[in-house]
C-alpha atoms as a PDB file:
ATOM      1  CA  MET A   1    -110.736 212.784  57.940  1.00  0.00           C
ATOM      2  CA  SER A   2    -113.895 210.950  57.088  1.00  0.00           C
ATOM      3  CA  MET A   3    -116.591 211.375  59.680  1.00  0.00           C
ATOM      4  CA  ASN A   4    -118.408 208.096  59.015  1.00  0.00           C
ATOM      5  CA  ALA A   5    -118.777 206.182  62.263  1.00  0.00           C
ATOM      6  CA  ASN A   6    -120.019 202.986  63.749  1.00  0.00           C
ATOM      7  CA  VAL A   7    -119.809 201.387  67.153  1.00  0.00           C
ATOM      8  CA  LEU A   8    -117.401 198.597  68.064  1.00  0.00           C
ATOM      9  CA  PRO A   9    -116.567 196.939  71.391  1.00  0.00           C
ATOM     10  CA  THR A  10    -113.356 198.314  72.877  1.00  0.00           C
ATOM     11  CA  SER A  11    -112.253 195.419  75.047  1.00  0.00           C
ATOM     12  CA  GLY A  12    -109.830 194.351  72.308  1.00  0.00           C
ATOM     13  CA  LEU A  13    -108.426 197.870  71.964  1.00  0.00           C
ATOM     14  CA  ILE A  14    -107.577 199.074  75.454  1.00  0.00           C
ATOM     15  CA  GLY A  15    -109.131 196.506  77.735  1.00  0.00           C
ATOM     16  CA  THR A  16    -112.290 198.343  78.726  1.00  0.00           C
ATOM     17  CA  GLU A  17    -115.954 197.540  78.195  1.00  0.00           C
ATOM     18  CA  THR A  18    -116.942 201.052  77.152  1.00  0.00           C
ATOM     19  CA  GLU A  19    -117.895 201.562  73.517  1.00  0.00           C
ATOM     20  CA  THR A  20    -115.710 202.716  70.665  1.00  0.00           C
ATOM     21  CA  THR A  21    -116.999 204.920  67.871  1.00  0.00           C
ATOM     22  CA  ALA A  22    -115.077 204.107  64.689  1.00  0.00           C
ATOM     23  CA  LEU A  23    -114.600 206.823  62.085  1.00  0.00           C
ATOM     24  CA  PRO A  24    -113.722 204.961  58.878  1.00  0.00           C
ATOM     25  CA  GLN A  25    -112.037 206.377  55.851  1.00  0.00           C
ATOM     26  CA  ALA A  26    -112.727 204.102  52.897  1.00  0.00           C
ATOM     27  CA  LEU A  27    -116.449 204.564  52.380  1.00  0.00           C
ATOM     28  CA  ALA A  28    -116.383 208.352  52.214  1.00  0.00           C
ATOM     29  CA  ASP A  29    -115.268 208.447  48.587  1.00  0.00           C
ATOM     30  CA  CYS A  30    -117.503 205.630  47.339  1.00  0.00           C
ATOM     31  CA  PRO A  31    -120.855 206.961  46.047  1.00  0.00           C
ATOM     32  CA  MET A  32    -122.812 203.711  46.460  1.00  0.00           C
ATOM     33  CA  HIS A  33    -126.378 203.819  45.195  1.00  0.00           C
ATOM     34  CA  GLY A  34    -128.724 204.842  47.991  1.00  0.00           C
ATOM     35  CA  PHE A  35    -125.925 205.394  50.513  1.00  0.00           C
ATOM     36  CA  SER A  36    -124.933 208.792  51.823  1.00  0.00           C
ATOM     37  CA  PRO A  37    -121.662 208.796  53.803  1.00  0.00           C
ATOM     38  CA  GLU A  38    -122.514 212.191  55.282  1.00  0.00           C
ATOM     39  CA  ASN A  39    -125.920 211.033  56.533  1.00  0.00           C
ATOM     40  CA  PHE A  40    -124.378 207.856  57.906  1.00  0.00           C
ATOM     41  CA  ALA A  41    -121.708 209.881  59.714  1.00  0.00           C
ATOM     42  CA  ARG A  42    -124.304 212.255  61.129  1.00  0.00           C
ATOM     43  CA  GLU A  43    -126.344 209.391  62.573  1.00  0.00           C
ATOM     44  CA  GLN A  44    -123.314 207.764  64.167  1.00  0.00           C
ATOM     45  CA  ILE A  45    -122.079 210.991  65.738  1.00  0.00           C
ATOM     46  CA  ARG A  46    -125.603 211.577  67.035  1.00  0.00           C
ATOM     47  CA  GLY A  47    -125.507 208.128  68.611  1.00  0.00           C
ATOM     48  CA  LEU A  48    -122.222 208.959  70.322  1.00  0.00           C
ATOM     49  CA  VAL A  49    -123.673 212.203  71.675  1.00  0.00           C
ATOM     50  CA  ARG A  50    -126.778 210.499  73.016  1.00  0.00           C
ATOM     51  CA  ARG A  51    -124.795 207.738  74.718  1.00  0.00           C
ATOM     52  CA  VAL A  52    -122.331 210.115  76.343  1.00  0.00           C
ATOM     53  CA  PHE A  53    -124.565 213.008  77.391  1.00  0.00           C
ATOM     54  CA  PHE A  54    -128.073 211.643  77.835  1.00  0.00           C
ATOM     55  CA  THR A  55    -128.048 208.035  79.050  1.00  0.00           C
ATOM     56  CA  ASN A  56    -126.634 208.307  82.564  1.00  0.00           C
ATOM     57  CA  LYS A  57    -128.985 210.250  84.815  1.00  0.00           C
ATOM     58  CA  GLU A  58    -127.226 209.187  88.009  1.00  0.00           C
ATOM     59  CA  LEU A  59    -123.855 210.537  86.842  1.00  0.00           C
ATOM     60  CA  PRO A  60    -124.768 213.320  84.397  1.00  0.00           C
ATOM     61  CA  VAL A  61    -122.143 214.315  81.861  1.00  0.00           C
ATOM     62  CA  LYS A  62    -121.845 218.034  81.153  1.00  0.00           C
ATOM     63  CA  GLN A  63    -118.145 218.663  80.490  1.00  0.00           C
ATOM     64  CA  VAL A  64    -116.198 216.165  78.363  1.00  0.00           C
ATOM     65  CA  VAL A  65    -112.578 216.089  77.210  1.00  0.00           C
ATOM     66  CA  PHE A  66    -111.593 214.581  73.859  1.00  0.00           C
ATOM     67  CA  SER A  67    -107.885 213.715  73.855  1.00  0.00           C
ATOM     68  CA  ALA A  68    -105.869 211.944  71.191  1.00  0.00           C
ATOM     69  CA  ALA A  69    -103.424 209.242  72.116  1.00  0.00           C
ATOM     70  CA  GLU A  70    -100.887 210.806  69.742  1.00  0.00           C
ATOM     71  CA  PRO A  71    -100.158 214.470  68.978  1.00  0.00           C
ATOM     72  CA  ASP A  72    -100.640 214.117  65.202  1.00  0.00           C
ATOM     73  CA  THR A  73    -104.203 212.786  65.442  1.00  0.00           C
ATOM     74  CA  ASP A  74    -106.820 215.382  64.466  1.00  0.00           C
ATOM     75  CA  VAL A  75    -109.327 215.910  67.277  1.00  0.00           C
ATOM     76  CA  SER A  76    -110.666 219.350  66.334  1.00  0.00           C
ATOM     77  CA  VAL A  77    -112.995 218.004  63.622  1.00  0.00           C
ATOM     78  CA  ILE A  78    -114.417 215.425  66.013  1.00  0.00           C
ATOM     79  CA  CYS A  79    -115.043 218.066  68.683  1.00  0.00           C
ATOM     80  CA  ASP A  80    -116.805 220.302  66.159  1.00  0.00           C
ATOM     81  CA  ARG A  81    -119.047 217.518  64.927  1.00  0.00           C
ATOM     82  CA  VAL A  82    -119.896 216.419  68.461  1.00  0.00           C
ATOM     83  CA  GLY A  83    -120.742 219.996  69.441  1.00  0.00           C
ATOM     84  CA  GLN A  84    -122.916 220.469  66.365  1.00  0.00           C
ATOM     85  CA  ALA A  85    -124.771 217.213  66.976  1.00  0.00           C
ATOM     86  CA  LEU A  86    -125.265 218.083  70.636  1.00  0.00           C
ATOM     87  CA  ALA A  87    -126.692 221.484  69.657  1.00  0.00           C
ATOM     88  CA  LEU A  88    -129.429 219.677  67.704  1.00  0.00           C
ATOM     89  CA  GLU A  89    -130.345 217.532  70.711  1.00  0.00           C
ATOM     90  CA  THR A  90    -130.840 220.339  73.228  1.00  0.00           C
ATOM     91  CA  SER A  91    -131.685 224.023  73.403  1.00  0.00           C
ATOM     92  CA  ALA A  92    -129.111 224.542  76.164  1.00  0.00           C
ATOM     93  CA  ASP A  93    -125.987 226.585  75.477  1.00  0.00           C
ATOM     94  CA  ILE A  94    -122.905 224.595  74.419  1.00  0.00           C
ATOM     95  CA  ALA A  95    -119.231 225.497  74.233  1.00  0.00           C
ATOM     96  CA  ILE A  96    -116.490 223.853  72.211  1.00  0.00           C
ATOM     97  CA  VAL A  97    -113.152 224.744  73.781  1.00  0.00           C
ATOM     98  CA  SER A  98    -110.717 224.803  70.880  1.00  0.00           C
ATOM     99  CA  ARG A  99    -106.948 224.466  71.070  1.00  0.00           C
ATOM    100  CA  SER A 100    -106.531 225.980  67.607  1.00  0.00           C
ATOM    101  CA  SER A 101    -105.900 229.650  67.110  1.00  0.00           C
ATOM    102  CA  PRO A 102    -109.013 231.828  66.704  1.00  0.00           C
ATOM    103  CA  GLY A 103    -110.011 232.764  63.205  1.00  0.00           C
ATOM    104  CA  ILE A 104    -109.602 236.140  61.554  1.00  0.00           C
ATOM    105  CA  GLY A 105    -111.845 238.736  63.109  1.00  0.00           C
ATOM    106  CA  VAL A 106    -112.243 236.962  66.462  1.00  0.00           C
ATOM    107  CA  ASP A 107    -111.486 239.415  69.237  1.00  0.00           C
ATOM    108  CA  LEU A 108    -109.784 237.859  72.242  1.00  0.00           C
ATOM    109  CA  GLY A 109    -110.568 240.945  74.258  1.00  0.00           C
ATOM    110  CA  ARG A 110    -107.102 241.865  75.482  1.00  0.00           C
ATOM    111  CA  GLY A 111    -107.209 244.236  78.392  1.00  0.00           C
ATOM    112  CA  TYR A 112    -110.564 243.153  79.837  1.00  0.00           C
ATOM    113  CA  PRO A 113    -110.587 243.993  83.539  1.00  0.00           C
ATOM    114  CA  ARG A 114    -110.929 241.030  85.921  1.00  0.00           C
ATOM    115  CA  SER A 115    -114.379 242.226  87.026  1.00  0.00           C
ATOM    116  CA  LEU A 116    -115.698 241.553  83.522  1.00  0.00           C
ATOM    117  CA  GLU A 117    -114.528 237.940  83.314  1.00  0.00           C
ATOM    118  CA  SER A 118    -118.047 236.497  83.250  1.00  0.00           C
ATOM    119  CA  ALA A 119    -119.258 238.804  80.508  1.00  0.00           C
ATOM    120  CA  ALA A 120    -116.100 238.278  78.496  1.00  0.00           C
ATOM    121  CA  ILE A 121    -116.450 234.532  77.932  1.00  0.00           C
ATOM    122  CA  LYS A 122    -118.990 234.700  75.095  1.00  0.00           C
ATOM    123  CA  SER A 123    -117.618 237.974  73.736  1.00  0.00           C
ATOM    124  CA  ARG A 124    -114.312 236.195  73.160  1.00  0.00           C
ATOM    125  CA  SER A 125    -116.016 233.288  71.404  1.00  0.00           C
ATOM    126  CA  THR A 126    -117.305 232.567  67.908  1.00  0.00           C
ATOM    127  CA  GLN A 127    -121.012 231.768  67.751  1.00  0.00           C
ATOM    128  CA  MET A 128    -121.512 228.789  65.425  1.00  0.00           C
ATOM    129  CA  ALA A 129    -125.257 228.305  65.960  1.00  0.00           C
ATOM    130  CA  ILE A 130    -128.035 229.741  68.080  1.00  0.00           C
ATOM    131  CA  ASN A 131    -126.865 227.724  71.092  1.00  0.00           C
ATOM    132  CA  LEU A 132    -123.293 226.787  70.110  1.00  0.00           C
ATOM    133  CA  TRP A 133    -120.054 228.722  70.662  1.00  0.00           C
ATOM    134  CA  ARG A 134    -116.413 227.965  69.929  1.00  0.00           C
ATOM    135  CA  VAL A 135    -114.275 229.244  72.788  1.00  0.00           C
ATOM    136  CA  PRO A 136    -110.563 229.518  71.923  1.00  0.00           C
ATOM    137  CA  GLU A 137    -108.373 228.358  74.763  1.00  0.00           C
ATOM    138  CA  ALA A 138    -106.195 231.385  74.067  1.00  0.00           C
ATOM    139  CA  GLY A 139    -109.132 233.536  75.133  1.00  0.00           C
ATOM    140  CA  LEU A 140    -109.509 231.625  78.385  1.00  0.00           C
ATOM    141  CA  ARG A 141    -105.828 232.073  79.137  1.00  0.00           C
ATOM    142  CA  GLU A 142    -106.225 235.807  78.656  1.00  0.00           C
ATOM    143  CA  LEU A 143    -108.905 235.772  81.354  1.00  0.00           C
ATOM    144  CA  PHE A 144    -107.332 233.356  83.793  1.00  0.00           C
ATOM    145  CA  GLN A 145    -103.610 233.895  84.069  1.00  0.00           C
ATOM    146  CA  GLU A 146    -102.928 231.675  87.091  1.00  0.00           C
ATOM    147  CA  SER A 147     -99.414 230.307  86.960  1.00  0.00           C
ATOM    148  CA  ALA A 148    -100.426 226.766  87.961  1.00  0.00           C
ATOM    149  CA  THR A 149    -102.091 224.718  85.227  1.00  0.00           C
ATOM    150  CA  SER A 150    -104.477 223.083  87.697  1.00  0.00           C
ATOM    151  CA  GLN A 151    -105.736 226.416  89.022  1.00  0.00           C
ATOM    152  CA  TYR A 152    -106.118 227.764  85.503  1.00  0.00           C
ATOM    153  CA  TRP A 153    -108.363 224.856  84.507  1.00  0.00           C
ATOM    154  CA  ILE A 154    -110.324 224.949  87.777  1.00  0.00           C
ATOM    155  CA  SER A 155    -111.080 228.632  87.191  1.00  0.00           C
ATOM    156  CA  SER A 156    -111.833 228.183  83.477  1.00  0.00           C
ATOM    157  CA  LEU A 157    -114.132 225.183  83.914  1.00  0.00           C
ATOM    158  CA  ALA A 158    -116.013 226.886  86.741  1.00  0.00           C
ATOM    159  CA  GLU A 159    -116.582 229.960  84.596  1.00  0.00           C
ATOM    160  CA  LEU A 160    -117.611 227.889  81.582  1.00  0.00           C
ATOM    161  CA  ARG A 161    -120.067 226.004  83.769  1.00  0.00           C
ATOM    162  CA  LYS A 162    -121.790 229.282  84.660  1.00  0.00           C
ATOM    163  CA  HIS A 163    -122.531 230.125  81.022  1.00  0.00           C
ATOM    164  CA  PHE A 164    -122.770 226.794  79.203  1.00  0.00           C
ATOM    165  CA  GLU A 165    -124.799 223.730  80.073  1.00  0.00           C
ATOM    166  CA  TYR A 166    -122.447 221.510  78.057  1.00  0.00           C
ATOM    167  CA  VAL A 167    -118.752 221.869  77.273  1.00  0.00           C
ATOM    168  CA  VAL A 168    -116.762 219.844  74.719  1.00  0.00           C
ATOM    169  CA  ILE A 169    -113.031 220.293  75.285  1.00  0.00           C
ATOM    170  CA  HIS A 170    -110.266 219.595  72.795  1.00  0.00           C
ATOM    171  CA  GLY A 171    -107.707 218.342  75.259  1.00  0.00           C
ATOM    172  CA  PRO A 172    -103.962 217.843  74.885  1.00  0.00           C
ATOM    173  CA  ALA A 173    -102.628 214.547  73.566  1.00  0.00           C
ATOM    174  CA  ALA A 174    -102.914 211.988  76.344  1.00  0.00           C
ATOM    175  CA  GLY A 175     -99.768 210.180  75.270  1.00  0.00           C
ATOM    176  CA  ILE A 176     -97.442 213.118  75.864  1.00  0.00           C
ATOM    177  CA  SER A 177     -99.179 215.432  78.341  1.00  0.00           C
ATOM    178  CA  SER A 178    -100.239 214.888  81.934  1.00  0.00           C
ATOM    179  CA  ASP A 179    -102.740 217.723  81.467  1.00  0.00           C
ATOM    180  CA  SER A 180    -105.170 215.277  79.851  1.00  0.00           C
ATOM    181  CA  ALA A 181    -105.373 213.282  83.083  1.00  0.00           C
ATOM    182  CA  LEU A 182    -105.817 216.513  85.043  1.00  0.00           C
ATOM    183  CA  LEU A 183    -108.673 217.572  82.768  1.00  0.00           C
ATOM    184  CA  ALA A 184    -110.253 214.136  83.005  1.00  0.00           C
ATOM    185  CA  GLN A 185    -110.314 214.522  86.783  1.00  0.00           C
ATOM    186  CA  LEU A 186    -111.713 218.055  86.734  1.00  0.00           C
ATOM    187  CA  THR A 187    -114.443 217.342  84.162  1.00  0.00           C
ATOM    188  CA  ASP A 188    -117.084 214.612  83.934  1.00  0.00           C
ATOM    189  CA  GLY A 189    -114.824 212.342  81.916  1.00  0.00           C
ATOM    190  CA  ILE A 190    -112.555 211.785  78.950  1.00  0.00           C
ATOM    191  CA  ILE A 191    -112.951 210.190  75.523  1.00  0.00           C
ATOM    192  CA  LEU A 192    -109.743 208.887  73.968  1.00  0.00           C
ATOM    193  CA  VAL A 193    -109.206 209.328  70.237  1.00  0.00           C
ATOM    194  CA  LEU A 194    -107.124 206.527  68.710  1.00  0.00           C
ATOM    195  CA  GLU A 195    -105.950 206.514  65.117  1.00  0.00           C
ATOM    196  CA  ALA A 196    -106.314 203.243  63.220  1.00  0.00           C
ATOM    197  CA  HIS A 197    -103.062 201.815  61.813  1.00  0.00           C
ATOM    198  CA  SER A 198    -101.090 204.358  63.858  1.00  0.00           C
ATOM    199  CA  THR A 199    -101.856 204.161  67.578  1.00  0.00           C
ATOM    200  CA  ARG A 200    -100.149 201.136  69.097  1.00  0.00           C
ATOM    201  CA  ARG A 201    -102.331 198.959  71.278  1.00  0.00           C
ATOM    202  CA  ALA A 202     -99.679 198.895  74.004  1.00  0.00           C
ATOM    203  CA  SER A 203     -99.556 202.707  74.007  1.00  0.00           C
ATOM    204  CA  ALA A 204    -103.332 202.958  74.241  1.00  0.00           C
ATOM    205  CA  ARG A 205    -103.441 200.530  77.141  1.00  0.00           C
ATOM    206  CA  LYS A 206    -100.696 202.424  78.955  1.00  0.00           C
ATOM    207  CA  ILE A 207    -102.667 205.669  78.590  1.00  0.00           C
ATOM    208  CA  LYS A 208    -105.790 203.923  79.851  1.00  0.00           C
ATOM    209  CA  GLU A 209    -103.935 202.553  82.879  1.00  0.00           C
ATOM    210  CA  THR A 210    -102.488 206.003  83.632  1.00  0.00           C
ATOM    211  CA  LEU A 211    -105.944 207.584  83.517  1.00  0.00           C
ATOM    212  CA  GLU A 212    -107.435 204.870  85.696  1.00  0.00           C
ATOM    213  CA  GLY A 213    -104.575 205.384  88.162  1.00  0.00           C
ATOM    214  CA  THR A 214    -105.746 208.967  88.638  1.00  0.00           C
ATOM    215  CA  ASP A 215    -109.388 207.868  89.066  1.00  0.00           C
ATOM    216  CA  SER A 216    -110.311 209.487  85.768  1.00  0.00           C
ATOM    217  CA  ARG A 217    -113.630 208.531  84.213  1.00  0.00           C
ATOM    218  CA  ILE A 218    -113.095 207.071  80.735  1.00  0.00           C
ATOM    219  CA  LEU A 219    -116.365 207.556  78.859  1.00  0.00           C
ATOM    220  CA  GLY A 220    -115.296 205.724  75.707  1.00  0.00           C
ATOM    221  CA  THR A 221    -112.953 205.789  72.742  1.00  0.00           C
ATOM    222  CA  VAL A 222    -113.100 207.049  69.170  1.00  0.00           C
ATOM    223  CA  LEU A 223    -111.175 205.124  66.530  1.00  0.00           C
ATOM    224  CA  SER A 224    -110.386 207.511  63.676  1.00  0.00           C
ATOM    225  CA  GLU A 225    -109.289 206.752  60.109  1.00  0.00           C
ATOM    226  CA  ARG A 226    -110.641 203.197  60.234  1.00  0.00           C
ATOM    227  CA  THR A 227    -110.678 201.557  56.787  1.00  0.00           C
ATOM    228  CA  PHE A 228    -113.272 199.015  55.732  1.00  0.00           C
ATOM    229  CA  PRO A 229    -112.623 196.892  52.617  1.00  0.00           C
ATOM    230  CA  ILE A 230    -115.461 197.175  50.104  1.00  0.00           C
ATOM    231  CA  PRO A 231    -116.662 193.818  48.730  1.00  0.00           C
ATOM    232  CA  GLU A 232    -116.078 193.212  45.024  1.00  0.00           C
ATOM    233  CA  MET A 233    -119.832 192.811  44.493  1.00  0.00           C
ATOM    234  CA  ILE A 234    -120.353 196.419  45.591  1.00  0.00           C
ATOM    235  CA  TYR A 235    -117.563 197.683  43.314  1.00  0.00           C
ATOM    236  CA  ARG A 236    -119.383 196.137  40.358  1.00  0.00           C
ATOM    237  CA  ARG A 237    -122.453 198.260  41.137  1.00  0.00           C
ATOM    238  CA  LEU A 238    -120.555 201.566  41.133  1.00  0.00           C
END
């Protein structure tokens, strides 16, 4: 997925006045003179991070869930890029809670006694930068084995809050799992990830209405795989 991004109003997407960050696809493979898709993407992701985490002092945002509207939409790359951009904006410790399986060599710490839960969080994580860790959800489930999903997340988020100033969570797909609404309630808010040319507007609006019905705080939307036609004049310069 291309990580280029720009900001569009969302009122036409899901009927809310929050902002949408669009992640287009077409420009990534077009080496226009003087234009760097990677630099452009970096600046747009940085803008998203600043808007979400640093603009609202009255309602500070520390723990955010990114959930796709559909299960096939890739959210892991977005979470990684947001975490990396956030790590450049602050010296505070940051966690990316990943739904993917941990990589080779990552010890999930099976058999840790309950008394060592606090110490085990970072030991079960992969350090990506001086102040950035990827925490596999599988590792959290090893620590907190409550049968109820709500209690598991309450315990996990409380423990994460002790060790990380900011937490970026790869949440379950909002269109098929009620856990996304639960997480949106337990954290400081949710950002919906919609896929251009795939996510139906009616489906997105239904998800938005469901979240609002649970008093969830919708912080914005990300529109992935957005294509932008390139004018013929630009093609002639390539």
